[in-house]
Amino acid sequence: MDNLRQFERFPLNLPVRAEVYTSDTKQVFDLKTRDISASGAFVYTLEQFPNGTNISLNLVVPNDRIKQVTGAASLLDCEGQVVRSTAKGVAIHFIVDCQIMSLKGF
């Protein structure tokens, strides 16, 4: 069976702070990714969320080359929606391009 994914997936366990927006509430979780691509990520969580749930992700990316150039690790700030929820976590599709920021000063 051919892989139908548009972007390559990378098996990376990155720390992520997730802000989950449901109804009128916001919940904040410190989690880990299982994998990530240019279009989304799978995040381990014990909670399941309905498809379409909006999630804001802040992922810390420890990249030696980025750190060498900027003097700090990078933070990916991503907005997405849950497209699949399982007992192990949620698949999130990014709905806008992620912003890359420096963690310098943090």
PDB file of N, CA and C in Angstrom:
ATOM      1  N   MET A   1       0.841  -1.179   0.000  1.00  0.00           N
ATOM      2  CA  MET A   1       0.000   0.000   0.000  1.00  0.00           C
ATOM      3  C   MET A   1       0.886   1.241   0.000  1.00  0.00           C
ATOM      4  N   ASP A   2       0.616   2.170  -0.887  1.00  0.00           N
ATOM      5  CA  ASP A   2       1.396   3.392  -0.979  1.00  0.00           C
ATOM      6  C   ASP A   2       1.076   4.326   0.175  1.00  0.00           C
ATOM      7  N   ASN A   3       2.101   5.071   0.622  1.00  0.00           N
ATOM      8  CA  ASN A   3       1.906   6.062   1.665  1.00  0.00           C
ATOM      9  C   ASN A   3       1.232   7.282   1.039  1.00  0.00           C
ATOM     10  N   LEU A   4       0.063   7.637   1.512  1.00  0.00           N
ATOM     11  CA  LEU A   4      -0.707   8.736   0.936  1.00  0.00           C
ATOM     12  C   LEU A   4      -0.405  10.079   1.597  1.00  0.00           C
ATOM     13  N   ARG A   5       0.515  10.106   2.527  1.00  0.00           N
ATOM     14  CA  ARG A   5       0.836  11.347   3.228  1.00  0.00           C
ATOM     15  C   ARG A   5       1.544  12.324   2.293  1.00  0.00           C
ATOM     16  N   GLN A   6       1.168  13.593   2.415  1.00  0.00           N
ATOM     17  CA  GLN A   6       1.773  14.630   1.585  1.00  0.00           C
ATOM     18  C   GLN A   6       3.170  14.995   2.077  1.00  0.00           C
ATOM     19  N   PHE A   7       3.378  14.975   3.400  1.00  0.00           N
ATOM     20  CA  PHE A   7       4.651  15.370   3.991  1.00  0.00           C
ATOM     21  C   PHE A   7       5.256  14.217   4.785  1.00  0.00           C
ATOM     22  N   GLU A   8       6.577  14.168   4.810  1.00  0.00           N
ATOM     23  CA  GLU A   8       7.282  13.137   5.560  1.00  0.00           C
ATOM     24  C   GLU A   8       7.033  13.315   7.057  1.00  0.00           C
ATOM     25  N   ARG A   9       6.854  12.205   7.741  1.00  0.00           N
ATOM     26  CA  ARG A   9       6.650  12.175   9.179  1.00  0.00           C
ATOM     27  C   ARG A   9       7.974  11.843   9.850  1.00  0.00           C
ATOM     28  N   PHE A  10       8.279  12.520  10.956  1.00  0.00           N
ATOM     29  CA  PHE A  10       9.507  12.270  11.704  1.00  0.00           C
ATOM     30  C   PHE A  10       9.161  11.787  13.103  1.00  0.00           C
ATOM     31  N   PRO A  11       9.722  10.644  13.526  1.00  0.00           N
ATOM     32  CA  PRO A  11       9.431  10.115  14.865  1.00  0.00           C
ATOM     33  C   PRO A  11      10.222  10.881  15.929  1.00  0.00           C
ATOM     34  N   LEU A  12       9.644  11.964  16.418  1.00  0.00           N
ATOM     35  CA  LEU A  12      10.317  12.815  17.394  1.00  0.00           C
ATOM     36  C   LEU A  12       9.481  12.939  18.658  1.00  0.00           C
ATOM     37  N   ASN A  13      10.117  12.689  19.795  1.00  0.00           N
ATOM     38  CA  ASN A  13       9.475  12.896  21.094  1.00  0.00           C
ATOM     39  C   ASN A  13       9.871  14.279  21.596  1.00  0.00           C
ATOM     40  N   LEU A  14       9.071  15.276  21.219  1.00  0.00           N
ATOM     41  CA  LEU A  14       9.345  16.651  21.616  1.00  0.00           C
ATOM     42  C   LEU A  14       8.418  17.064  22.748  1.00  0.00           C
ATOM     43  N   PRO A  15       8.936  17.816  23.717  1.00  0.00           N
ATOM     44  CA  PRO A  15       8.048  18.346  24.750  1.00  0.00           C
ATOM     45  C   PRO A  15       7.107  19.370  24.121  1.00  0.00           C
ATOM     46  N   VAL A  16       5.855  19.322  24.528  1.00  0.00           N
ATOM     47  CA  VAL A  16       4.859  20.236  23.971  1.00  0.00           C
ATOM     48  C   VAL A  16       3.911  20.707  25.064  1.00  0.00           C
ATOM     49  N   ARG A  17       3.637  21.983  25.053  1.00  0.00           N
ATOM     50  CA  ARG A  17       2.576  22.531  25.906  1.00  0.00           C
ATOM     51  C   ARG A  17       1.371  22.719  25.006  1.00  0.00           C
ATOM     52  N   ALA A  18       0.276  22.069  25.373  1.00  0.00           N
ATOM     53  CA  ALA A  18      -0.935  22.109  24.557  1.00  0.00           C
ATOM     54  C   ALA A  18      -2.022  22.865  25.308  1.00  0.00           C
ATOM     55  N   GLU A  19      -2.616  23.827  24.618  1.00  0.00           N
ATOM     56  CA  GLU A  19      -3.779  24.536  25.138  1.00  0.00           C
ATOM     57  C   GLU A  19      -4.974  24.044  24.338  1.00  0.00           C
ATOM     58  N   VAL A  20      -5.899  23.378  25.016  1.00  0.00           N
ATOM     59  CA  VAL A  20      -7.049  22.753  24.367  1.00  0.00           C
ATOM     60  C   VAL A  20      -8.283  23.605  24.657  1.00  0.00           C
ATOM     61  N   TYR A  21      -8.956  24.002  23.582  1.00  0.00           N
ATOM     62  CA  TYR A  21     -10.125  24.870  23.710  1.00  0.00           C
ATOM     63  C   TYR A  21     -11.391  24.065  23.438  1.00  0.00           C
ATOM     64  N   THR A  22     -12.222  23.912  24.483  1.00  0.00           N
ATOM     65  CA  THR A  22     -13.505  23.230  24.345  1.00  0.00           C
ATOM     66  C   THR A  22     -14.573  24.119  24.933  1.00  0.00           C
ATOM     67  N   SER A  23     -15.627  24.339  24.186  1.00  0.00           N
ATOM     68  CA  SER A  23     -16.728  25.211  24.616  1.00  0.00           C
ATOM     69  C   SER A  23     -16.176  26.545  25.098  1.00  0.00           C
ATOM     70  N   ASP A  24     -16.383  26.850  26.369  1.00  0.00           N
ATOM     71  CA  ASP A  24     -15.917  28.122  26.936  1.00  0.00           C
ATOM     72  C   ASP A  24     -14.698  27.941  27.835  1.00  0.00           C
ATOM     73  N   THR A  25     -14.049  26.784  27.756  1.00  0.00           N
ATOM     74  CA  THR A  25     -12.928  26.529  28.659  1.00  0.00           C
ATOM     75  C   THR A  25     -11.627  26.312  27.891  1.00  0.00           C
ATOM     76  N   LYS A  26     -10.535  26.538  28.610  1.00  0.00           N
ATOM     77  CA  LYS A  26      -9.203  26.249  28.082  1.00  0.00           C
ATOM     78  C   LYS A  26      -8.496  25.370  29.096  1.00  0.00           C
ATOM     79  N   GLN A  27      -7.960  24.239  28.627  1.00  0.00           N
ATOM     80  CA  GLN A  27      -7.176  23.352  29.486  1.00  0.00           C
ATOM     81  C   GLN A  27      -5.743  23.368  28.965  1.00  0.00           C
ATOM     82  N   VAL A  28      -4.768  23.306  29.880  1.00  0.00           N
ATOM     83  CA  VAL A  28      -3.362  23.314  29.506  1.00  0.00           C
ATOM     84  C   VAL A  28      -2.734  22.000  29.952  1.00  0.00           C
ATOM     85  N   PHE A  29      -1.989  21.363  29.024  1.00  0.00           N
ATOM     86  CA  PHE A  29      -1.343  20.086  29.291  1.00  0.00           C
ATOM     87  C   PHE A  29       0.121  20.159  28.876  1.00  0.00           C
ATOM     88  N   ASP A  30       1.002  19.533  29.646  1.00  0.00           N
ATOM     89  CA  ASP A  30       2.396  19.334  29.247  1.00  0.00           C
ATOM     90  C   ASP A  30       2.511  17.905  28.766  1.00  0.00           C
ATOM     91  N   LEU A  31       2.802  17.733  27.462  1.00  0.00           N
ATOM     92  CA  LEU A  31       2.757  16.433  26.810  1.00  0.00           C
ATOM     93  C   LEU A  31       4.018  16.185  25.998  1.00  0.00           C
ATOM     94  N   LYS A  32       4.010  15.107  25.215  1.00  0.00           N
ATOM     95  CA  LYS A  32       5.110  14.757  24.296  1.00  0.00           C
ATOM     96  C   LYS A  32       4.515  14.364  22.954  1.00  0.00           C
ATOM     97  N   THR A  33       5.257  14.656  21.901  1.00  0.00           N
ATOM     98  CA  THR A  33       4.838  14.205  20.578  1.00  0.00           C
ATOM     99  C   THR A  33       5.354  12.795  20.342  1.00  0.00           C
ATOM    100  N   ARG A  34       4.653  12.062  19.495  1.00  0.00           N
ATOM    101  CA  ARG A  34       5.144  10.765  19.007  1.00  0.00           C
ATOM    102  C   ARG A  34       5.842  10.978  17.673  1.00  0.00           C
ATOM    103  N   ASP A  35       5.208  11.801  16.834  1.00  0.00           N
ATOM    104  CA  ASP A  35       5.798  12.142  15.546  1.00  0.00           C
ATOM    105  C   ASP A  35       5.254  13.490  15.095  1.00  0.00           C
ATOM    106  N   ILE A  36       5.933  14.055  14.079  1.00  0.00           N
ATOM    107  CA  ILE A  36       5.550  15.376  13.589  1.00  0.00           C
ATOM    108  C   ILE A  36       5.885  15.472  12.116  1.00  0.00           C
ATOM    109  N   SER A  37       5.086  16.248  11.395  1.00  0.00           N
ATOM    110  CA  SER A  37       5.357  16.541   9.987  1.00  0.00           C
ATOM    111  C   SER A  37       5.052  18.012   9.761  1.00  0.00           C
ATOM    112  N   ALA A  38       5.197  18.464   8.526  1.00  0.00           N
ATOM    113  CA  ALA A  38       4.902  19.858   8.204  1.00  0.00           C
ATOM    114  C   ALA A  38       3.411  20.160   8.323  1.00  0.00           C
ATOM    115  N   SER A  39       2.571  19.123   8.306  1.00  0.00           N
ATOM    116  CA  SER A  39       1.130  19.368   8.332  1.00  0.00           C
ATOM    117  C   SER A  39       0.450  18.971   9.645  1.00  0.00           C
ATOM    118  N   GLY A  40       1.191  18.375  10.582  1.00  0.00           N
ATOM    119  CA  GLY A  40       0.551  17.987  11.833  1.00  0.00           C
ATOM    120  C   GLY A  40       1.451  17.184  12.739  1.00  0.00           C
ATOM    121  N   ALA A  41       0.858  16.691  13.813  1.00  0.00           N
ATOM    122  CA  ALA A  41       1.609  15.921  14.808  1.00  0.00           C
ATOM    123  C   ALA A  41       0.672  14.960  15.517  1.00  0.00           C
ATOM    124  N   PHE A  42       1.260  13.888  16.050  1.00  0.00           N
ATOM    125  CA  PHE A  42       0.538  13.006  16.957  1.00  0.00           C
ATOM    126  C   PHE A  42       1.087  13.278  18.344  1.00  0.00           C
ATOM    127  N   VAL A  43       0.189  13.569  19.288  1.00  0.00           N
ATOM    128  CA  VAL A  43       0.585  13.932  20.644  1.00  0.00           C
ATOM    129  C   VAL A  43       0.007  12.909  21.610  1.00  0.00           C
ATOM    130  N   TYR A  44       0.885  12.362  22.466  1.00  0.00           N
ATOM    131  CA  TYR A  44       0.427  11.429  23.496  1.00  0.00           C
ATOM    132  C   TYR A  44      -0.412  12.190  24.523  1.00  0.00           C
ATOM    133  N   THR A  45      -1.573  11.656  24.856  1.00  0.00           N
ATOM    134  CA  THR A  45      -2.413  12.211  25.912  1.00  0.00           C
ATOM    135  C   THR A  45      -3.322  11.111  26.441  1.00  0.00           C
ATOM    136  N   LEU A  46      -3.641  11.208  27.707  1.00  0.00           N
ATOM    137  CA  LEU A  46      -4.554  10.240  28.305  1.00  0.00           C
ATOM    138  C   LEU A  46      -6.005  10.603  28.039  1.00  0.00           C
ATOM    139  N   GLU A  47      -6.241  11.857  27.645  1.00  0.00           N
ATOM    140  CA  GLU A  47      -7.601  12.311  27.370  1.00  0.00           C
ATOM    141  C   GLU A  47      -7.885  12.240  25.878  1.00  0.00           C
ATOM    142  N   GLN A  48      -9.124  11.963  25.552  1.00  0.00           N
ATOM    143  CA  GLN A  48      -9.545  11.985  24.158  1.00  0.00           C
ATOM    144  C   GLN A  48     -10.364  13.241  23.929  1.00  0.00           C
ATOM    145  N   PHE A  49     -10.203  13.833  22.753  1.00  0.00           N
ATOM    146  CA  PHE A  49     -10.915  15.054  22.411  1.00  0.00           C
ATOM    147  C   PHE A  49     -11.663  14.830  21.106  1.00  0.00           C
ATOM    148  N   PRO A  50     -12.828  15.435  20.974  1.00  0.00           N
ATOM    149  CA  PRO A  50     -13.606  15.261  19.750  1.00  0.00           C
ATOM    150  C   PRO A  50     -12.897  15.838  18.533  1.00  0.00           C
ATOM    151  N   ASN A  51     -13.148  15.235  17.378  1.00  0.00           N
ATOM    152  CA  ASN A  51     -12.623  15.784  16.135  1.00  0.00           C
ATOM    153  C   ASN A  51     -13.085  17.232  15.999  1.00  0.00           C
ATOM    154  N   GLY A  52     -12.180  18.079  15.521  1.00  0.00           N
ATOM    155  CA  GLY A  52     -12.489  19.496  15.351  1.00  0.00           C
ATOM    156  C   GLY A  52     -12.115  20.348  16.549  1.00  0.00           C
ATOM    157  N   THR A  53     -11.707  19.727  17.663  1.00  0.00           N
ATOM    158  CA  THR A  53     -11.279  20.494  18.833  1.00  0.00           C
ATOM    159  C   THR A  53     -10.050  21.315  18.469  1.00  0.00           C
ATOM    160  N   ASN A  54     -10.074  22.613  18.785  1.00  0.00           N
ATOM    161  CA  ASN A  54      -8.947  23.502  18.509  1.00  0.00           C
ATOM    162  C   ASN A  54      -7.875  23.348  19.580  1.00  0.00           C
ATOM    163  N   ILE A  55      -6.618  23.272  19.122  1.00  0.00           N
ATOM    164  CA  ILE A  55      -5.488  23.099  20.028  1.00  0.00           C
ATOM    165  C   ILE A  55      -4.359  24.025  19.597  1.00  0.00           C
ATOM    166  N   SER A  56      -3.785  24.706  20.571  1.00  0.00           N
ATOM    167  CA  SER A  56      -2.598  25.523  20.344  1.00  0.00           C
ATOM    168  C   SER A  56      -1.416  24.759  20.927  1.00  0.00           C
ATOM    169  N   LEU A  57      -0.366  24.570  20.133  1.00  0.00           N
ATOM    170  CA  LEU A  57       0.799  23.799  20.571  1.00  0.00           C
ATOM    171  C   LEU A  57       2.048  24.672  20.601  1.00  0.00           C
ATOM    172  N   ASN A  58       2.827  24.530  21.646  1.00  0.00           N
ATOM    173  CA  ASN A  58       4.161  25.124  21.728  1.00  0.00           C
ATOM    174  C   ASN A  58       5.136  23.973  21.889  1.00  0.00           C
ATOM    175  N   LEU A  59       5.927  23.715  20.830  1.00  0.00           N
ATOM    176  CA  LEU A  59       6.858  22.590  20.816  1.00  0.00           C
ATOM    177  C   LEU A  59       8.284  23.104  20.930  1.00  0.00           C
ATOM    178  N   VAL A  60       9.059  22.547  21.853  1.00  0.00           N
ATOM    179  CA  VAL A  60      10.459  22.899  21.994  1.00  0.00           C
ATOM    180  C   VAL A  60      11.274  22.005  21.061  1.00  0.00           C
ATOM    181  N   VAL A  61      12.050  22.643  20.178  1.00  0.00           N
ATOM    182  CA  VAL A  61      12.839  21.915  19.188  1.00  0.00           C
ATOM    183  C   VAL A  61      14.322  22.086  19.512  1.00  0.00           C
ATOM    184  N   PRO A  62      14.950  21.051  20.069  1.00  0.00           N
ATOM    185  CA  PRO A  62      16.377  21.136  20.386  1.00  0.00           C
ATOM    186  C   PRO A  62      17.216  20.800  19.155  1.00  0.00           C
ATOM    187  N   ASN A  63      17.593  21.806  18.399  1.00  0.00           N
ATOM    188  CA  ASN A  63      18.363  21.619  17.177  1.00  0.00           C
ATOM    189  C   ASN A  63      19.726  22.265  17.365  1.00  0.00           C
ATOM    190  N   ASP A  64      20.798  21.475  17.293  1.00  0.00           N
ATOM    191  CA  ASP A  64      22.140  21.996  17.534  1.00  0.00           C
ATOM    192  C   ASP A  64      22.508  23.119  16.575  1.00  0.00           C
ATOM    193  N   ARG A  65      22.105  23.012  15.312  1.00  0.00           N
ATOM    194  CA  ARG A  65      22.439  24.055  14.335  1.00  0.00           C
ATOM    195  C   ARG A  65      21.709  25.356  14.652  1.00  0.00           C
ATOM    196  N   ILE A  66      20.431  25.274  15.001  1.00  0.00           N
ATOM    197  CA  ILE A  66      19.675  26.468  15.373  1.00  0.00           C
ATOM    198  C   ILE A  66      20.280  27.091  16.617  1.00  0.00           C
ATOM    199  N   LYS A  67      20.629  26.252  17.592  1.00  0.00           N
ATOM    200  CA  LYS A  67      21.228  26.764  18.828  1.00  0.00           C
ATOM    201  C   LYS A  67      22.578  27.423  18.559  1.00  0.00           C
ATOM    202  N   GLN A  68      23.346  26.864  17.623  1.00  0.00           N
ATOM    203  CA  GLN A  68      24.645  27.434  17.271  1.00  0.00           C
ATOM    204  C   GLN A  68      24.473  28.829  16.652  1.00  0.00           C
ATOM    205  N   VAL A  69      23.478  29.003  15.825  1.00  0.00           N
ATOM    206  CA  VAL A  69      23.250  30.279  15.149  1.00  0.00           C
ATOM    207  C   VAL A  69      22.607  31.307  16.076  1.00  0.00           C
ATOM    208  N   THR A  70      21.591  30.876  16.846  1.00  0.00           N
ATOM    209  CA  THR A  70      20.827  31.825  17.662  1.00  0.00           C
ATOM    210  C   THR A  70      21.255  31.863  19.120  1.00  0.00           C
ATOM    211  N   GLY A  71      21.964  30.834  19.566  1.00  0.00           N
ATOM    212  CA  GLY A  71      22.343  30.746  20.972  1.00  0.00           C
ATOM    213  C   GLY A  71      21.249  30.177  21.849  1.00  0.00           C
ATOM    214  N   ALA A  72      20.177  29.676  21.236  1.00  0.00           N
ATOM    215  CA  ALA A  72      19.055  29.152  22.017  1.00  0.00           C
ATOM    216  C   ALA A  72      18.324  28.070  21.231  1.00  0.00           C
ATOM    217  N   ALA A  73      17.547  27.273  21.939  1.00  0.00           N
ATOM    218  CA  ALA A  73      16.660  26.313  21.274  1.00  0.00           C
ATOM    219  C   ALA A  73      15.524  27.087  20.623  1.00  0.00           C
ATOM    220  N   SER A  74      14.741  26.402  19.831  1.00  0.00           N
ATOM    221  CA  SER A  74      13.629  27.052  19.154  1.00  0.00           C
ATOM    222  C   SER A  74      12.297  26.557  19.693  1.00  0.00           C
ATOM    223  N   LEU A  75      11.303  27.380  19.513  1.00  0.00           N
ATOM    224  CA  LEU A  75       9.950  27.054  19.906  1.00  0.00           C
ATOM    225  C   LEU A  75       9.075  27.148  18.667  1.00  0.00           C
ATOM    226  N   LEU A  76       8.329  26.081  18.377  1.00  0.00           N
ATOM    227  CA  LEU A  76       7.347  26.105  17.301  1.00  0.00           C
ATOM    228  C   LEU A  76       5.998  26.415  17.921  1.00  0.00           C
ATOM    229  N   ASP A  77       5.364  27.451  17.431  1.00  0.00           N
ATOM    230  CA  ASP A  77       4.042  27.833  17.890  1.00  0.00           C
ATOM    231  C   ASP A  77       3.064  27.456  16.791  1.00  0.00           C
ATOM    232  N   CYS A  78       2.191  26.476  17.052  1.00  0.00           N
ATOM    233  CA  CYS A  78       1.308  25.921  16.029  1.00  0.00           C
ATOM    234  C   CYS A  78      -0.144  25.948  16.484  1.00  0.00           C
ATOM    235  N   GLU A  79      -1.022  26.163  15.530  1.00  0.00           N
ATOM    236  CA  GLU A  79      -2.464  26.094  15.767  1.00  0.00           C
ATOM    237  C   GLU A  79      -3.004  24.923  14.962  1.00  0.00           C
ATOM    238  N   GLY A  80      -3.824  24.090  15.587  1.00  0.00           N
ATOM    239  CA  GLY A  80      -4.345  22.938  14.873  1.00  0.00           C
ATOM    240  C   GLY A  80      -5.693  22.484  15.379  1.00  0.00           C
ATOM    241  N   GLN A  81      -6.173  21.425  14.738  1.00  0.00           N
ATOM    242  CA  GLN A  81      -7.440  20.806  15.128  1.00  0.00           C
ATOM    243  C   GLN A  81      -7.252  19.304  15.221  1.00  0.00           C
ATOM    244  N   VAL A  82      -7.941  18.700  16.166  1.00  0.00           N
ATOM    245  CA  VAL A  82      -7.925  17.245  16.317  1.00  0.00           C
ATOM    246  C   VAL A  82      -8.624  16.630  15.108  1.00  0.00           C
ATOM    247  N   VAL A  83      -7.942  15.674  14.457  1.00  0.00           N
ATOM    248  CA  VAL A  83      -8.549  14.955  13.341  1.00  0.00           C
ATOM    249  C   VAL A  83      -8.777  13.491  13.681  1.00  0.00           C
ATOM    250  N   ARG A  84      -8.137  13.010  14.773  1.00  0.00           N
ATOM    251  CA  ARG A  84      -8.323  11.630  15.216  1.00  0.00           C
ATOM    252  C   ARG A  84      -7.924  11.546  16.678  1.00  0.00           C
ATOM    253  N   SER A  85      -8.734  10.839  17.466  1.00  0.00           N
ATOM    254  CA  SER A  85      -8.454  10.669  18.880  1.00  0.00           C
ATOM    255  C   SER A  85      -8.449   9.185  19.190  1.00  0.00           C
ATOM    256  N   THR A  86      -7.388   8.718  19.865  1.00  0.00           N
ATOM    257  CA  THR A  86      -7.265   7.314  20.225  1.00  0.00           C
ATOM    258  C   THR A  86      -7.004   7.200  21.722  1.00  0.00           C
ATOM    259  N   ALA A  87      -6.920   5.987  22.209  1.00  0.00           N
ATOM    260  CA  ALA A  87      -6.620   5.763  23.625  1.00  0.00           C
ATOM    261  C   ALA A  87      -5.200   6.218  23.969  1.00  0.00           C
ATOM    262  N   LYS A  88      -4.318   6.335  22.969  1.00  0.00           N
ATOM    263  CA  LYS A  88      -2.929   6.736  23.223  1.00  0.00           C
ATOM    264  C   LYS A  88      -2.669   8.220  22.995  1.00  0.00           C
ATOM    265  N   GLY A  89      -3.555   8.896  22.269  1.00  0.00           N
ATOM    266  CA  GLY A  89      -3.325  10.307  22.014  1.00  0.00           C
ATOM    267  C   GLY A  89      -4.183  10.843  20.896  1.00  0.00           C
ATOM    268  N   VAL A  90      -3.778  12.007  20.388  1.00  0.00           N
ATOM    269  CA  VAL A  90      -4.558  12.679  19.354  1.00  0.00           C
ATOM    270  C   VAL A  90      -3.684  13.042  18.162  1.00  0.00           C
ATOM    271  N   ALA A  91      -4.274  12.922  16.972  1.00  0.00           N
ATOM    272  CA  ALA A  91      -3.640  13.391  15.748  1.00  0.00           C
ATOM    273  C   ALA A  91      -4.151  14.800  15.499  1.00  0.00           C
ATOM    274  N   ILE A  92      -3.226  15.715  15.290  1.00  0.00           N
ATOM    275  CA  ILE A  92      -3.564  17.124  15.117  1.00  0.00           C
ATOM    276  C   ILE A  92      -3.105  17.584  13.742  1.00  0.00           C
ATOM    277  N   HIS A  93      -4.011  18.216  13.012  1.00  0.00           N
ATOM    278  CA  HIS A  93      -3.685  18.803  11.713  1.00  0.00           C
ATOM    279  C   HIS A  93      -3.482  20.296  11.922  1.00  0.00           C
ATOM    280  N   PHE A  94      -2.318  20.817  11.494  1.00  0.00           N
ATOM    281  CA  PHE A  94      -2.051  22.242  11.627  1.00  0.00           C
ATOM    282  C   PHE A  94      -2.932  23.006  10.650  1.00  0.00           C
ATOM    283  N   ILE A  95      -3.635  24.034  11.142  1.00  0.00           N
ATOM    284  CA  ILE A  95      -4.555  24.795  10.292  1.00  0.00           C
ATOM    285  C   ILE A  95      -3.933  26.094   9.791  1.00  0.00           C
ATOM    286  N   VAL A  96      -2.793  26.473  10.340  1.00  0.00           N
ATOM    287  CA  VAL A  96      -2.007  27.603   9.837  1.00  0.00           C
ATOM    288  C   VAL A  96      -0.543  27.200   9.932  1.00  0.00           C
ATOM    289  N   ASP A  97       0.322  27.894   9.198  1.00  0.00           N
ATOM    290  CA  ASP A  97       1.754  27.601   9.278  1.00  0.00           C
ATOM    291  C   ASP A  97       2.263  27.883  10.684  1.00  0.00           C
ATOM    292  N   CYS A  98       3.136  27.002  11.160  1.00  0.00           N
ATOM    293  CA  CYS A  98       3.735  27.179  12.475  1.00  0.00           C
ATOM    294  C   CYS A  98       4.728  28.342  12.441  1.00  0.00           C
ATOM    295  N   GLN A  99       4.813  29.044  13.549  1.00  0.00           N
ATOM    296  CA  GLN A  99       5.767  30.132  13.697  1.00  0.00           C
ATOM    297  C   GLN A  99       6.962  29.616  14.480  1.00  0.00           C
ATOM    298  N   ILE A 100       8.171  29.942  14.041  1.00  0.00           N
ATOM    299  CA  ILE A 100       9.395  29.539  14.734  1.00  0.00           C
ATOM    300  C   ILE A 100       9.907  30.722  15.530  1.00  0.00           C
ATOM    301  N   MET A 101      10.122  30.502  16.840  1.00  0.00           N
ATOM    302  CA  MET A 101      10.615  31.563  17.716  1.00  0.00           C
ATOM    303  C   MET A 101      11.820  31.055  18.492  1.00  0.00           C
ATOM    304  N   SER A 102      12.671  31.952  18.895  1.00  0.00           N
ATOM    305  CA  SER A 102      13.826  31.615  19.690  1.00  0.00           C
ATOM    306  C   SER A 102      13.425  31.561  21.158  1.00  0.00           C
ATOM    307  N   LEU A 103      14.012  30.627  21.894  1.00  0.00           N
ATOM    308  CA  LEU A 103      13.784  30.546  23.339  1.00  0.00           C
ATOM    309  C   LEU A 103      14.828  31.359  24.097  1.00  0.00           C
ATOM    310  N   LYS A 104      15.608  32.161  23.402  1.00  0.00           N
ATOM    311  CA  LYS A 104      16.618  32.999  24.028  1.00  0.00           C
ATOM    312  C   LYS A 104      15.935  33.922  25.032  1.00  0.00           C
ATOM    313  N   GLY A 105      16.464  33.986  26.209  1.00  0.00           N
ATOM    314  CA  GLY A 105      15.886  34.837  27.235  1.00  0.00           C
ATOM    315  C   GLY A 105      14.867  34.125  28.113  1.00  0.00           C
ATOM    316  N   PHE A 106      14.542  32.864  27.776  1.00  0.00           N
ATOM    317  CA  PHE A 106      13.592  32.124  28.602  1.00  0.00           C
ATOM    318  C   PHE A 106      14.335  31.259  29.572  1.00  0.00           C
TER     319      PHE A 106
END
